[in-house]
C-alpha atoms as a PDB file:
ATOM      1  CA  MET A   1     -15.667  -5.241   3.277  1.00  0.00           C
ATOM      2  CA  PRO A   2     -15.635  -7.418   0.248  1.00  0.00           C
ATOM      3  CA  LEU A   3     -13.085  -7.335  -2.486  1.00  0.00           C
ATOM      4  CA  VAL A   4     -14.364  -4.751  -5.024  1.00  0.00           C
ATOM      5  CA  ARG A   5     -15.616  -2.416  -2.899  1.00  0.00           C
ATOM      6  CA  ALA A   6     -12.684  -1.870  -0.973  1.00  0.00           C
ATOM      7  CA  ALA A   7     -10.609  -1.309  -4.010  1.00  0.00           C
ATOM      8  CA  LEU A   8     -13.192   1.583  -4.726  1.00  0.00           C
ATOM      9  CA  VAL A   9     -12.764   2.964  -1.635  1.00  0.00           C
ATOM     10  CA  VAL A  10      -9.076   2.637  -1.532  1.00  0.00           C
ATOM     11  CA  LEU A  11      -8.229   4.353  -5.097  1.00  0.00           C
ATOM     12  CA  ALA A  12     -10.241   7.348  -3.818  1.00  0.00           C
ATOM     13  CA  LEU A  13      -7.718   7.345  -0.649  1.00  0.00           C
ATOM     14  CA  LEU A  14      -4.468   6.744  -2.808  1.00  0.00           C
ATOM     15  CA  THR A  15      -1.653   9.212  -3.244  1.00  0.00           C
ATOM     16  CA  LEU A  16       1.369   8.045  -5.586  1.00  0.00           C
ATOM     17  CA  GLU A  17       4.972   8.890  -5.134  1.00  0.00           C
ATOM     18  CA  SER A  18       7.979   7.684  -7.416  1.00  0.00           C
ATOM     19  CA  ARG A  19      11.599   7.648  -7.901  1.00  0.00           C
ATOM     20  CA  PRO A  20      14.434   5.163  -9.361  1.00  0.00           C
ATOM     21  CA  SER A  21      14.876   2.292  -7.879  1.00  0.00           C
ATOM     22  CA  THR A  22      18.471   2.685  -8.036  1.00  0.00           C
ATOM     23  CA  ALA A  23      18.642   5.117  -5.343  1.00  0.00           C
ATOM     24  CA  ALA A  24      16.146   2.933  -2.900  1.00  0.00           C
ATOM     25  CA  VAL A  25      17.707  -0.693  -3.276  1.00  0.00           C
ATOM     26  CA  SER A  26      21.446  -0.749  -1.786  1.00  0.00           C
ATOM     27  CA  GLY A  27      23.739  -2.250  -3.712  1.00  0.00           C
ATOM     28  CA  ALA A  28      21.002  -2.835  -7.108  1.00  0.00           C
ATOM     29  CA  PRO A  29      23.686  -2.807  -9.651  1.00  0.00           C
ATOM     30  CA  GLU A  30      22.711  -0.411 -12.509  1.00  0.00           C
ATOM     31  CA  ASP A  31      22.845  -2.023 -15.704  1.00  0.00           C
ATOM     32  CA  THR A  32      19.934  -4.534 -14.218  1.00  0.00           C
ATOM     33  CA  THR A  33      17.729  -1.976 -12.421  1.00  0.00           C
ATOM     34  CA  MET A  34      18.186   0.987 -14.493  1.00  0.00           C
ATOM     35  CA  HIS A  35      14.399   0.857 -16.122  1.00  0.00           C
ATOM     36  CA  ALA A  36      13.092  -0.363 -13.141  1.00  0.00           C
ATOM     37  CA  ARG A  37      11.068   1.898 -10.836  1.00  0.00           C
ATOM     38  CA  LEU A  38      10.078   1.490  -7.484  1.00  0.00           C
ATOM     39  CA  ASP A  39       6.644   3.065  -6.639  1.00  0.00           C
ATOM     40  CA  THR A  40       5.217   4.283  -2.379  1.00  0.00           C
ATOM     41  CA  LEU A  41       1.701   3.342  -1.964  1.00  0.00           C
ATOM     42  CA  ARG A  42       0.309   6.191   0.162  1.00  0.00           C
ATOM     43  CA  LEU A  43      -2.650   4.145   1.958  1.00  0.00           C
ATOM     44  CA  ARG A  44      -5.460   4.903   4.662  1.00  0.00           C
ATOM     45  CA  ASP A  45      -7.673   1.781   6.779  1.00  0.00           C
ATOM     46  CA  PRO A  46     -11.219   3.731   5.649  1.00  0.00           C
ATOM     47  CA  ASP A  47     -12.140   1.136   9.144  1.00  0.00           C
ATOM     48  CA  THR A  48      -9.490   2.374  11.270  1.00  0.00           C
ATOM     49  CA  GLY A  49      -8.092   5.728   9.939  1.00  0.00           C
ATOM     50  CA  ASP A  50      -4.804   4.536  10.158  1.00  0.00           C
ATOM     51  CA  SER A  51      -2.736   5.015   7.335  1.00  0.00           C
ATOM     52  CA  LEU A  52      -0.276   2.296   5.921  1.00  0.00           C
ATOM     53  CA  VAL A  53       2.955   2.320   3.511  1.00  0.00           C
ATOM     54  CA  VAL A  54       3.846   0.399   0.945  1.00  0.00           C
ATOM     55  CA  ALA A  55       6.680   0.011  -1.179  1.00  0.00           C
ATOM     56  CA  VAL A  56       6.385  -1.037  -5.101  1.00  0.00           C
ATOM     57  CA  TRP A  57       8.527  -2.945  -7.452  1.00  0.00           C
ATOM     58  CA  LEU A  58       8.187  -2.257 -11.166  1.00  0.00           C
ATOM     59  CA  PRO A  59      10.549  -4.797 -13.146  1.00  0.00           C
ATOM     60  CA  PRO A  60      11.660  -3.806 -16.634  1.00  0.00           C
ATOM     61  CA  GLN A  61       9.676  -6.126 -17.881  1.00  0.00           C
ATOM     62  CA  TYR A  62       7.155  -4.321 -16.336  1.00  0.00           C
ATOM     63  CA  ARG A  63       4.343  -3.465 -19.472  1.00  0.00           C
ATOM     64  CA  ALA A  64       1.359  -1.528 -18.677  1.00  0.00           C
ATOM     65  CA  ASP A  65      -0.562  -3.646 -21.199  1.00  0.00           C
ATOM     66  CA  ARG A  66       0.690  -7.001 -19.834  1.00  0.00           C
ATOM     67  CA  PRO A  67      -0.252  -7.525 -16.219  1.00  0.00           C
ATOM     68  CA  LEU A  68       2.268  -9.906 -14.282  1.00  0.00           C
ATOM     69  CA  PRO A  69       2.424 -11.502 -11.437  1.00  0.00           C
ATOM     70  CA  ALA A  70       2.493  -9.789  -7.648  1.00  0.00           C
ATOM     71  CA  VAL A  71       4.977 -11.069  -5.349  1.00  0.00           C
ATOM     72  CA  TYR A  72       3.526  -9.592  -1.433  1.00  0.00           C
ATOM     73  CA  ALA A  73       6.533 -10.039   0.878  1.00  0.00           C
ATOM     74  CA  PHE A  74       7.126  -9.329   4.893  1.00  0.00           C
ATOM     75  CA  PRO A  75       8.881  -8.420   5.992  1.00  0.00           C
ATOM     76  CA  THR A  76       9.969  -5.132   4.941  1.00  0.00           C
ATOM     77  CA  GLY A  77      12.945  -4.523   6.030  1.00  0.00           C
ATOM     78  CA  VAL A  78      13.958  -7.916   5.741  1.00  0.00           C
ATOM     79  CA  TYR A  79      13.490  -7.819   2.100  1.00  0.00           C
ATOM     80  CA  PHE A  80      13.656  -4.967   0.700  1.00  0.00           C
ATOM     81  CA  ASP A  81      16.704  -3.689   3.193  1.00  0.00           C
ATOM     82  CA  ARG A  82      18.761  -6.162   3.775  1.00  0.00           C
ATOM     83  CA  LEU A  83      18.032  -9.296   1.655  1.00  0.00           C
ATOM     84  CA  ARG A  84      17.968  -6.836  -1.562  1.00  0.00           C
ATOM     85  CA  LEU A  85      14.922  -8.084  -3.007  1.00  0.00           C
ATOM     86  CA  PRO A  86      14.192  -6.688  -6.009  1.00  0.00           C
ATOM     87  CA  ALA A  87      18.148  -6.220  -7.045  1.00  0.00           C
ATOM     88  CA  THR A  88      17.860 -10.366  -6.628  1.00  0.00           C
ATOM     89  CA  LEU A  89      14.305 -11.029  -8.316  1.00  0.00           C
ATOM     90  CA  ASP A  90      15.799  -8.531 -11.396  1.00  0.00           C
ATOM     91  CA  SER A  91      19.171 -10.766 -11.562  1.00  0.00           C
ATOM     92  CA  ALA A  92      16.953 -14.291 -11.525  1.00  0.00           C
ATOM     93  CA  MET A  93      14.376 -12.589 -13.633  1.00  0.00           C
ATOM     94  CA  ARG A  94      17.655 -12.194 -16.692  1.00  0.00           C
ATOM     95  CA  ALA A  95      18.549 -15.762 -15.967  1.00  0.00           C
ATOM     96  CA  GLY A  96      15.062 -17.587 -16.779  1.00  0.00           C
ATOM     97  CA  LEU A  97      12.830 -16.762 -14.001  1.00  0.00           C
ATOM     98  CA  PRO A  98       9.105 -15.038 -14.961  1.00  0.00           C
ATOM     99  CA  PRO A  99       8.437 -11.261 -14.306  1.00  0.00           C
ATOM    100  CA  ALA A 100       6.994  -9.930 -11.587  1.00  0.00           C
ATOM    101  CA  VAL A 101       5.973  -6.955  -9.135  1.00  0.00           C
ATOM    102  CA  VAL A 102       7.241  -7.056  -5.589  1.00  0.00           C
ATOM    103  CA  VAL A 103       4.920  -5.627  -3.002  1.00  0.00           C
ATOM    104  CA  ALA A 104       6.107  -4.600  -0.116  1.00  0.00           C
ATOM    105  CA  LEU A 105       3.501  -4.891   2.751  1.00  0.00           C
ATOM    106  CA  PRO A 106       2.950  -2.337   5.537  1.00  0.00           C
ATOM    107  CA  ASP A 107       5.366  -2.789   8.731  1.00  0.00           C
ATOM    108  CA  PRO A 108       2.664  -3.232  11.563  1.00  0.00           C
ATOM    109  CA  GLU A 109       2.900  -2.960  15.791  1.00  0.00           C
ATOM    110  CA  LEU A 110       4.749  -5.587  17.486  1.00  0.00           C
ATOM    111  CA  GLU A 111       1.783  -6.356  19.049  1.00  0.00           C
ATOM    112  CA  ALA A 112       0.426  -7.813  15.315  1.00  0.00           C
ATOM    113  CA  TYR A 113       3.132 -10.682  14.967  1.00  0.00           C
ATOM    114  CA  LEU A 114       1.354 -12.521  17.937  1.00  0.00           C
ATOM    115  CA  LEU A 115      -1.247 -14.849  16.072  1.00  0.00           C
ATOM    116  CA  GLY A 116      -5.210 -14.754  17.449  1.00  0.00           C
ATOM    117  CA  SER A 117      -4.350 -10.506  18.814  1.00  0.00           C
ATOM    118  CA  ALA A 118      -6.764  -7.775  17.558  1.00  0.00           C
ATOM    119  CA  ALA A 119      -3.266  -5.910  15.618  1.00  0.00           C
ATOM    120  CA  SER A 120      -2.831  -9.083  14.004  1.00  0.00           C
ATOM    121  CA  ARG A 121      -6.558  -9.221  12.905  1.00  0.00           C
ATOM    122  CA  THR A 122      -6.712  -5.634  11.854  1.00  0.00           C
ATOM    123  CA  PHE A 123      -2.981  -6.518   9.432  1.00  0.00           C
ATOM    124  CA  LEU A 124      -4.279  -9.757   7.560  1.00  0.00           C
ATOM    125  CA  ARG A 125      -7.462  -7.755   7.345  1.00  0.00           C
ATOM    126  CA  GLN A 126      -5.945  -4.367   5.775  1.00  0.00           C
ATOM    127  CA  VAL A 127      -3.277  -6.551   3.672  1.00  0.00           C
ATOM    128  CA  ALA A 128      -7.069  -8.065   2.190  1.00  0.00           C
ATOM    129  CA  GLU A 129      -8.861  -5.163   1.806  1.00  0.00           C
ATOM    130  CA  VAL A 130      -6.385  -2.350   1.799  1.00  0.00           C
ATOM    131  CA  VAL A 131      -3.133  -2.807   0.208  1.00  0.00           C
ATOM    132  CA  VAL A 132      -4.198  -6.087  -2.549  1.00  0.00           C
ATOM    133  CA  PRO A 133      -7.394  -4.175  -3.920  1.00  0.00           C
ATOM    134  CA  ALA A 134      -5.192  -0.445  -3.978  1.00  0.00           C
ATOM    135  CA  VAL A 135      -2.746  -2.716  -6.357  1.00  0.00           C
ATOM    136  CA  GLU A 136      -4.618  -4.329  -8.211  1.00  0.00           C
ATOM    137  CA  ALA A 137      -6.229  -1.195  -8.937  1.00  0.00           C
ATOM    138  CA  ARG A 138      -3.212   0.526  -9.714  1.00  0.00           C
ATOM    139  CA  TYR A 139      -0.756  -1.433 -11.560  1.00  0.00           C
ATOM    140  CA  ALA A 140      -1.346  -4.228 -14.390  1.00  0.00           C
ATOM    141  CA  VAL A 141      -0.842  -6.850 -12.358  1.00  0.00           C
ATOM    142  CA  ARG A 142      -2.812 -10.080 -12.102  1.00  0.00           C
ATOM    143  CA  ARG A 143      -5.965  -8.938 -10.310  1.00  0.00           C
ATOM    144  CA  GLU A 144      -7.210 -12.912  -9.993  1.00  0.00           C
ATOM    145  CA  ARG A 145      -6.409 -14.999  -7.667  1.00  0.00           C
ATOM    146  CA  ALA A 146      -3.601 -17.195  -8.978  1.00  0.00           C
ATOM    147  CA  GLY A 147      -1.399 -13.960  -9.732  1.00  0.00           C
ATOM    148  CA  ARG A 148      -1.296 -13.378  -5.903  1.00  0.00           C
ATOM    149  CA  ARG A 149       2.112 -14.868  -4.248  1.00  0.00           C
ATOM    150  CA  PHE A 150       3.456 -14.319  -1.010  1.00  0.00           C
ATOM    151  CA  LEU A 151       7.090 -15.202   0.784  1.00  0.00           C
ATOM    152  CA  GLY A 152       7.544 -14.661   4.122  1.00  0.00           C
ATOM    153  CA  PHE A 153      10.517 -14.243   6.667  1.00  0.00           C
ATOM    154  CA  SER A 154      10.342 -15.450  10.412  1.00  0.00           C
ATOM    155  CA  ALA A 155       7.747 -14.037  12.098  1.00  0.00           C
ATOM    156  CA  GLY A 156       6.007 -12.215   8.751  1.00  0.00           C
ATOM    157  CA  ALA A 157       6.192 -15.675   7.433  1.00  0.00           C
ATOM    158  CA  ASN A 158       3.823 -16.412  10.123  1.00  0.00           C
ATOM    159  CA  LEU A 159       0.459 -14.081   9.610  1.00  0.00           C
ATOM    160  CA  LEU A 160       1.636 -14.784   5.624  1.00  0.00           C
ATOM    161  CA  LEU A 161       0.514 -18.488   6.150  1.00  0.00           C
ATOM    162  CA  GLU A 162      -2.791 -17.305   8.833  1.00  0.00           C
ATOM    163  CA  LEU A 163      -3.697 -14.939   5.483  1.00  0.00           C
ATOM    164  CA  ALA A 164      -3.542 -17.612   2.900  1.00  0.00           C
ATOM    165  CA  MET A 165      -5.634 -20.286   5.601  1.00  0.00           C
ATOM    166  CA  ARG A 166      -8.162 -17.036   6.758  1.00  0.00           C
ATOM    167  CA  GLU A 167      -8.117 -16.074   3.061  1.00  0.00           C
ATOM    168  CA  PRO A 168      -8.146 -19.204   1.144  1.00  0.00           C
ATOM    169  CA  ALA A 169      -9.500 -17.181  -2.223  1.00  0.00           C
ATOM    170  CA  LEU A 170      -6.992 -14.217  -2.045  1.00  0.00           C
ATOM    171  CA  VAL A 171      -3.970 -16.436  -2.380  1.00  0.00           C
ATOM    172  CA  ALA A 172      -2.284 -19.090  -5.200  1.00  0.00           C
ATOM    173  CA  ARG A 173       1.025 -19.846  -3.582  1.00  0.00           C
ATOM    174  CA  VAL A 174       3.156 -18.930  -0.182  1.00  0.00           C
ATOM    175  CA  ALA A 175       6.522 -19.668   0.593  1.00  0.00           C
ATOM    176  CA  ALA A 176       7.719 -19.472   3.980  1.00  0.00           C
ATOM    177  CA  GLN A 177      10.984 -19.116   4.909  1.00  0.00           C
ATOM    178  CA  SER A 178      11.474 -20.698   8.642  1.00  0.00           C
ATOM    179  CA  PRO A 179       8.257 -19.244   9.905  1.00  0.00           C
ATOM    180  CA  GLY A 180       8.222 -19.783  13.600  1.00  0.00           C
ATOM    181  CA  TRP A 181       4.628 -19.643  15.371  1.00  0.00           C
ATOM    182  CA  MET A 182       6.036 -17.586  19.013  1.00  0.00           C
ATOM    183  CA  LEU A 183       3.458 -16.596  21.301  1.00  0.00           C
ATOM    184  CA  ARG A 184       3.912 -14.282  23.915  1.00  0.00           C
ATOM    185  CA  ASP A 185       4.523 -16.799  27.994  1.00  0.00           C
ATOM    186  CA  SER A 186       2.854 -16.333  30.997  1.00  0.00           C
ATOM    187  CA  THR A 187       6.751 -13.693  31.739  1.00  0.00           C
ATOM    188  CA  ASN A 188       5.822 -11.933  29.067  1.00  0.00           C
ATOM    189  CA  ALA A 189       8.390 -12.711  26.423  1.00  0.00           C
ATOM    190  CA  ILE A 190       8.266 -14.726  23.444  1.00  0.00           C
ATOM    191  CA  GLY A 191       8.234 -18.406  24.411  1.00  0.00           C
ATOM    192  CA  GLU A 192       9.060 -20.903  21.944  1.00  0.00           C
ATOM    193  CA  ARG A 193       5.425 -23.385  22.065  1.00  0.00           C
ATOM    194  CA  MET A 194       3.253 -23.200  18.796  1.00  0.00           C
ATOM    195  CA  THR A 195      -0.230 -20.944  18.702  1.00  0.00           C
ATOM    196  CA  PRO A 196      -3.594 -23.169  18.547  1.00  0.00           C
ATOM    197  CA  ALA A 197      -3.887 -20.037  15.833  1.00  0.00           C
ATOM    198  CA  ALA A 198      -1.933 -21.913  13.216  1.00  0.00           C
ATOM    199  CA  LEU A 199      -3.729 -25.498  13.765  1.00  0.00           C
ATOM    200  CA  ALA A 200      -7.069 -23.879  13.827  1.00  0.00           C
ATOM    201  CA  ALA A 201      -6.636 -21.765  10.945  1.00  0.00           C
ATOM    202  CA  ALA A 202      -5.050 -25.186   8.787  1.00  0.00           C
ATOM    203  CA  ARG A 203      -8.525 -27.300   9.696  1.00  0.00           C
ATOM    204  CA  THR A 204     -10.518 -24.606   7.943  1.00  0.00           C
ATOM    205  CA  LEU A 205      -9.095 -24.826   4.761  1.00  0.00           C
ATOM    206  CA  PRO A 206     -11.291 -25.812   1.918  1.00  0.00           C
ATOM    207  CA  ARG A 207     -10.661 -29.284   0.544  1.00  0.00           C
ATOM    208  CA  GLY A 208      -9.819 -28.940  -3.053  1.00  0.00           C
ATOM    209  CA  GLY A 209      -9.343 -25.161  -2.864  1.00  0.00           C
ATOM    210  CA  ALA A 210      -6.213 -24.580  -1.092  1.00  0.00           C
ATOM    211  CA  PRO A 211      -3.550 -22.355  -1.252  1.00  0.00           C
ATOM    212  CA  ARG A 212      -0.275 -24.271  -2.007  1.00  0.00           C
ATOM    213  CA  PHE A 213       2.201 -23.774   0.429  1.00  0.00           C
ATOM    214  CA  TRP A 214       6.248 -24.764   0.652  1.00  0.00           C
ATOM    215  CA  PHE A 215       7.666 -24.325   4.106  1.00  0.00           C
ATOM    216  CA  VAL A 216      11.707 -24.061   4.353  1.00  0.00           C
ATOM    217  CA  TRP A 217      14.330 -23.903   7.981  1.00  0.00           C
ATOM    218  CA  GLY A 218      17.468 -23.829   8.899  1.00  0.00           C
ATOM    219  CA  ASP A 219      19.683 -26.914  10.596  1.00  0.00           C
ATOM    220  CA  GLY A 220      20.323 -24.545  13.633  1.00  0.00           C
ATOM    221  CA  ALA A 221      20.612 -26.696  16.820  1.00  0.00           C
ATOM    222  CA  GLU A 222      19.575 -23.913  19.193  1.00  0.00           C
ATOM    223  CA  PRO A 223      16.318 -25.012  21.062  1.00  0.00           C
ATOM    224  CA  TRP A 224      13.927 -22.980  19.765  1.00  0.00           C
ATOM    225  CA  GLU A 225      15.339 -23.401  16.274  1.00  0.00           C
ATOM    226  CA  SER A 226      14.204 -27.181  16.627  1.00  0.00           C
ATOM    227  CA  ALA A 227      11.097 -26.348  18.183  1.00  0.00           C
ATOM    228  CA  SER A 228       9.645 -24.271  15.330  1.00  0.00           C
ATOM    229  CA  ARG A 229      11.021 -27.200  13.052  1.00  0.00           C
ATOM    230  CA  GLU A 230       9.049 -29.629  14.776  1.00  0.00           C
ATOM    231  CA  ASN A 231       6.128 -26.898  15.035  1.00  0.00           C
ATOM    232  CA  GLY A 232       6.230 -26.876  11.528  1.00  0.00           C
ATOM    233  CA  ARG A 233       5.916 -30.457  11.251  1.00  0.00           C
ATOM    234  CA  ALA A 234       2.638 -30.221  12.688  1.00  0.00           C
ATOM    235  CA  VAL A 235       1.349 -27.232  10.538  1.00  0.00           C
ATOM    236  CA  MET A 236       2.791 -29.085   7.374  1.00  0.00           C
ATOM    237  CA  ALA A 237       0.937 -32.211   8.308  1.00  0.00           C
ATOM    238  CA  ALA A 238      -2.395 -30.412   9.552  1.00  0.00           C
ATOM    239  CA  LEU A 239      -2.008 -28.694   5.467  1.00  0.00           C
ATOM    240  CA  ARG A 240      -1.911 -32.287   4.019  1.00  0.00           C
ATOM    241  CA  GLU A 241      -5.054 -33.773   5.805  1.00  0.00           C
ATOM    242  CA  ARG A 242      -7.134 -31.185   3.861  1.00  0.00           C
ATOM    243  CA  GLY A 243      -5.190 -31.515   1.203  1.00  0.00           C
ATOM    244  CA  ALA A 244      -3.315 -28.500   0.642  1.00  0.00           C
ATOM    245  CA  PRO A 245      -0.621 -29.226  -1.892  1.00  0.00           C
ATOM    246  CA  VAL A 246       2.618 -28.792   0.607  1.00  0.00           C
ATOM    247  CA  THR A 247       6.311 -28.227  -0.565  1.00  0.00           C
ATOM    248  CA  TYR A 248       8.993 -28.820   2.453  1.00  0.00           C
ATOM    249  CA  ALA A 249      12.406 -27.778   0.786  1.00  0.00           C
ATOM    250  CA  GLY A 250      14.390 -29.475   4.169  1.00  0.00           C
ATOM    251  CA  THR A 251      16.689 -27.306   5.497  1.00  0.00           C
ATOM    252  CA  VAL A 252      19.640 -25.498   4.898  1.00  0.00           C
ATOM    253  CA  PRO A 253      22.797 -25.061   6.440  1.00  0.00           C
ATOM    254  CA  GLY A 254      23.422 -22.613   9.285  1.00  0.00           C
ATOM    255  CA  GLY A 255      20.664 -20.838  11.708  1.00  0.00           C
ATOM    256  CA  HIS A 256      17.844 -18.832  11.727  1.00  0.00           C
ATOM    257  CA  GLY A 257      18.878 -15.480  10.203  1.00  0.00           C
ATOM    258  CA  LEU A 258      19.051 -13.681   6.821  1.00  0.00           C
ATOM    259  CA  PRO A 259      22.009 -16.577   5.384  1.00  0.00           C
ATOM    260  CA  LEU A 260      18.933 -18.926   5.377  1.00  0.00           C
ATOM    261  CA  GLY A 261      17.045 -16.400   3.310  1.00  0.00           C
ATOM    262  CA  VAL A 262      19.430 -15.899   1.384  1.00  0.00           C
ATOM    263  CA  ARG A 263      20.192 -19.246   0.797  1.00  0.00           C
ATOM    264  CA  SER A 264      16.924 -20.717   0.698  1.00  0.00           C
ATOM    265  CA  MET A 265      15.487 -17.300  -1.388  1.00  0.00           C
ATOM    266  CA  GLU A 266      16.374 -18.662  -5.490  1.00  0.00           C
ATOM    267  CA  ALA A 267      14.083 -22.040  -4.497  1.00  0.00           C
ATOM    268  CA  ALA A 268      11.526 -19.926  -3.132  1.00  0.00           C
ATOM    269  CA  LEU A 269      11.207 -17.233  -6.390  1.00  0.00           C
ATOM    270  CA  ARG A 270      10.978 -20.280  -8.365  1.00  0.00           C
ATOM    271  CA  PHE A 271       7.866 -21.838  -6.294  1.00  0.00           C
ATOM    272  CA  LEU A 272       6.028 -18.634  -6.405  1.00  0.00           C
ATOM    273  CA  LEU A 273       6.754 -18.040 -10.217  1.00  0.00           C
ATOM    274  CA  ALA A 274       6.163 -21.543 -11.633  1.00  0.00           C
ATOM    275  CA  GLU A 275       2.589 -21.520 -13.267  1.00  0.00           C
END
């Protein structure tokens, strides 16, 4: 479904709830978020009938006549509930980082994290054809590719990277915190091997028109963490072969987990909100 048509369909299905951000963002200092707002969008996918819940954080600098970039964050539980991204971004903006609207993407079923699965394809389509058009129809955010930035952690980063590779005209920048490209192995457990889908998608990028990519990993010594970094280097090489701008931020102390998200958050936000 074309983006414009999707926007019209979704707008007709859109309902909106608002509540103060200090009540919804755990640990947010009252003196820095008192003028912010956290909305909940309840959307319906016209193709599948799925209900999609999307949180949208509007910073104190938000004005209807001054469109801001939108940072689409995923998974929601990591960024909103545990890493407290809105409060972190609010503090960074007060220190000079450009303002942005933050959108928490809907949580999909577990199968959607398996790249190449039907559930994964459905989720990526919903982001591109339902969520992004709805946000741009309702809020003062930039409605061109340059205004769309994506922030992902772990398996969530895998999906957003796949989105950027498959829909390069939609995405300007992606910051990937510790992506791993995991698949189910022959025992139906989560395997350590890299999915061919990531490399195949990277190799389809148009030369000269690719999004910008940013990567970081932890320096954990577990075999699966080493495999994740090795897989990541292969993906970065494939992206660079297509001429995509790739920034490798190296590794941060500690293994794969929330401390990695905290330590690398400021650098990820600086990359995403650079012009």
